[in-house]
Amino acid sequence: MTDKKTIGRDISVEEFDRKFDDGESIIEYLDMDSLRRPGLEPKRVNVDFPTWMVNGLDREARRLGVTRQALIKMWIAEKLG
């Protein structure tokens, strides 16, 4: 018996790393129900806007066919990205 570390489905950590590094699919070894994307968890932020600004946001959101919240997120992401 060896002391090799394994992850799920009896694949060693070394074999998993090799498959990943070689560009092979590793999807069968992942528990898709427990995956998380660090730093992308939603965090609620309250912002007060003057009425004229909300009206402008709503007009632009309607024009683009998105919600006000989606529009604000898109614009902030563009500025931060």
C-alpha atoms as a PDB file:
ATOM      1  CA  MET A   1       0.000   0.000   0.000  1.00  0.00           C
ATOM      2  CA  THR A   2       1.304   3.468  -0.926  1.00  0.00           C
ATOM      3  CA  ASP A   3       0.893   6.805   0.810  1.00  0.00           C
ATOM      4  CA  LYS A   4      -0.186   8.609  -2.383  1.00  0.00           C
ATOM      5  CA  LYS A   5      -2.818  11.265  -1.882  1.00  0.00           C
ATOM      6  CA  THR A   6      -5.950  10.749  -3.948  1.00  0.00           C
ATOM      7  CA  ILE A   7      -8.839  12.976  -4.869  1.00  0.00           C
ATOM      8  CA  GLY A   8     -12.244  11.514  -5.686  1.00  0.00           C
ATOM      9  CA  ARG A   9     -12.471   8.534  -8.055  1.00  0.00           C
ATOM     10  CA  ASP A  10      -9.115   7.173  -6.881  1.00  0.00           C
ATOM     11  CA  ILE A  11      -6.945   9.474  -8.990  1.00  0.00           C
ATOM     12  CA  SER A  12      -3.741  10.668  -7.409  1.00  0.00           C
ATOM     13  CA  VAL A  13      -3.052  14.359  -6.992  1.00  0.00           C
ATOM     14  CA  GLU A  14      -0.032  13.951  -9.253  1.00  0.00           C
ATOM     15  CA  GLU A  15      -2.107  12.306 -12.007  1.00  0.00           C
ATOM     16  CA  PHE A  16      -4.815  14.988 -11.679  1.00  0.00           C
ATOM     17  CA  ASP A  17      -2.178  17.737 -11.984  1.00  0.00           C
ATOM     18  CA  ARG A  18      -0.593  16.026 -14.980  1.00  0.00           C
ATOM     19  CA  LYS A  19      -3.937  15.707 -16.769  1.00  0.00           C
ATOM     20  CA  PHE A  20      -4.700  19.367 -16.071  1.00  0.00           C
ATOM     21  CA  ASP A  21      -1.252  20.544 -17.194  1.00  0.00           C
ATOM     22  CA  ASP A  22      -1.520  18.442 -20.378  1.00  0.00           C
ATOM     23  CA  GLY A  23      -4.872  19.995 -21.214  1.00  0.00           C
ATOM     24  CA  GLU A  24      -6.836  16.791 -20.676  1.00  0.00           C
ATOM     25  CA  SER A  25     -10.382  16.926 -19.353  1.00  0.00           C
ATOM     26  CA  ILE A  26     -10.572  16.696 -15.562  1.00  0.00           C
ATOM     27  CA  ILE A  27     -14.306  17.345 -15.314  1.00  0.00           C
ATOM     28  CA  GLU A  28     -15.111  13.776 -14.271  1.00  0.00           C
ATOM     29  CA  TYR A  29     -12.961  14.238 -11.162  1.00  0.00           C
ATOM     30  CA  LEU A  30     -14.680  17.421  -9.979  1.00  0.00           C
ATOM     31  CA  ASP A  31     -17.647  17.707  -7.625  1.00  0.00           C
ATOM     32  CA  MET A  32     -19.669  20.268  -9.581  1.00  0.00           C
ATOM     33  CA  ASP A  33     -22.085  20.810  -6.681  1.00  0.00           C
ATOM     34  CA  SER A  34     -19.381  22.243  -4.435  1.00  0.00           C
ATOM     35  CA  LEU A  35     -17.591  24.527  -6.916  1.00  0.00           C
ATOM     36  CA  ARG A  36     -17.291  28.213  -6.032  1.00  0.00           C
ATOM     37  CA  ARG A  37     -15.792  31.192  -7.787  1.00  0.00           C
ATOM     38  CA  PRO A  38     -13.885  33.137  -5.127  1.00  0.00           C
ATOM     39  CA  GLY A  39     -14.423  36.852  -5.203  1.00  0.00           C
ATOM     40  CA  LEU A  40     -17.680  36.574  -7.167  1.00  0.00           C
ATOM     41  CA  GLU A  41     -20.021  36.055  -4.246  1.00  0.00           C
ATOM     42  CA  PRO A  42     -22.713  38.750  -4.354  1.00  0.00           C
ATOM     43  CA  LYS A  43     -22.495  41.505  -1.787  1.00  0.00           C
ATOM     44  CA  ARG A  44     -25.381  43.911  -1.366  1.00  0.00           C
ATOM     45  CA  VAL A  45     -24.544  47.610  -1.685  1.00  0.00           C
ATOM     46  CA  ASN A  46     -27.105  50.365  -1.283  1.00  0.00           C
ATOM     47  CA  VAL A  47     -26.608  53.545  -3.291  1.00  0.00           C
ATOM     48  CA  ASP A  48     -28.890  56.570  -3.338  1.00  0.00           C
ATOM     49  CA  PHE A  49     -29.294  58.320  -6.717  1.00  0.00           C
ATOM     50  CA  PRO A  50     -31.160  61.525  -7.472  1.00  0.00           C
ATOM     51  CA  THR A  51     -34.444  61.053  -9.373  1.00  0.00           C
ATOM     52  CA  TRP A  52     -33.092  62.501 -12.634  1.00  0.00           C
ATOM     53  CA  MET A  53     -30.302  59.894 -12.594  1.00  0.00           C
ATOM     54  CA  VAL A  54     -32.680  56.992 -11.933  1.00  0.00           C
ATOM     55  CA  ASN A  55     -34.893  58.202 -14.801  1.00  0.00           C
ATOM     56  CA  GLY A  56     -31.867  58.290 -17.104  1.00  0.00           C
ATOM     57  CA  LEU A  57     -30.770  54.824 -15.986  1.00  0.00           C
ATOM     58  CA  ASP A  58     -34.261  53.475 -16.631  1.00  0.00           C
ATOM     59  CA  ARG A  59     -34.388  55.004 -20.139  1.00  0.00           C
ATOM     60  CA  GLU A  60     -31.013  53.509 -21.060  1.00  0.00           C
ATOM     61  CA  ALA A  61     -31.892  50.147 -19.514  1.00  0.00           C
ATOM     62  CA  ARG A  62     -35.133  50.019 -21.555  1.00  0.00           C
ATOM     63  CA  ARG A  63     -33.257  50.978 -24.721  1.00  0.00           C
ATOM     64  CA  LEU A  64     -30.768  48.136 -24.171  1.00  0.00           C
ATOM     65  CA  GLY A  65     -33.413  45.671 -22.987  1.00  0.00           C
ATOM     66  CA  VAL A  66     -31.819  45.046 -19.599  1.00  0.00           C
ATOM     67  CA  THR A  67     -32.743  45.800 -16.009  1.00  0.00           C
ATOM     68  CA  ARG A  68     -31.541  48.896 -14.202  1.00  0.00           C
ATOM     69  CA  GLN A  69     -29.408  46.698 -11.942  1.00  0.00           C
ATOM     70  CA  ALA A  70     -27.828  44.927 -14.929  1.00  0.00           C
ATOM     71  CA  LEU A  71     -27.044  48.285 -16.559  1.00  0.00           C
ATOM     72  CA  ILE A  72     -25.384  49.617 -13.401  1.00  0.00           C
ATOM     73  CA  LYS A  73     -23.340  46.408 -13.039  1.00  0.00           C
ATOM     74  CA  MET A  74     -22.235  46.560 -16.702  1.00  0.00           C
ATOM     75  CA  TRP A  75     -21.153  50.192 -16.457  1.00  0.00           C
ATOM     76  CA  ILE A  76     -19.264  49.712 -13.197  1.00  0.00           C
ATOM     77  CA  ALA A  77     -17.562  46.570 -14.533  1.00  0.00           C
ATOM     78  CA  GLU A  78     -16.456  48.528 -17.637  1.00  0.00           C
ATOM     79  CA  LYS A  79     -14.938  51.264 -15.482  1.00  0.00           C
ATOM     80  CA  LEU A  80     -13.198  48.832 -13.132  1.00  0.00           C
ATOM     81  CA  GLY A  81     -12.084  46.396 -15.821  1.00  0.00           C
END
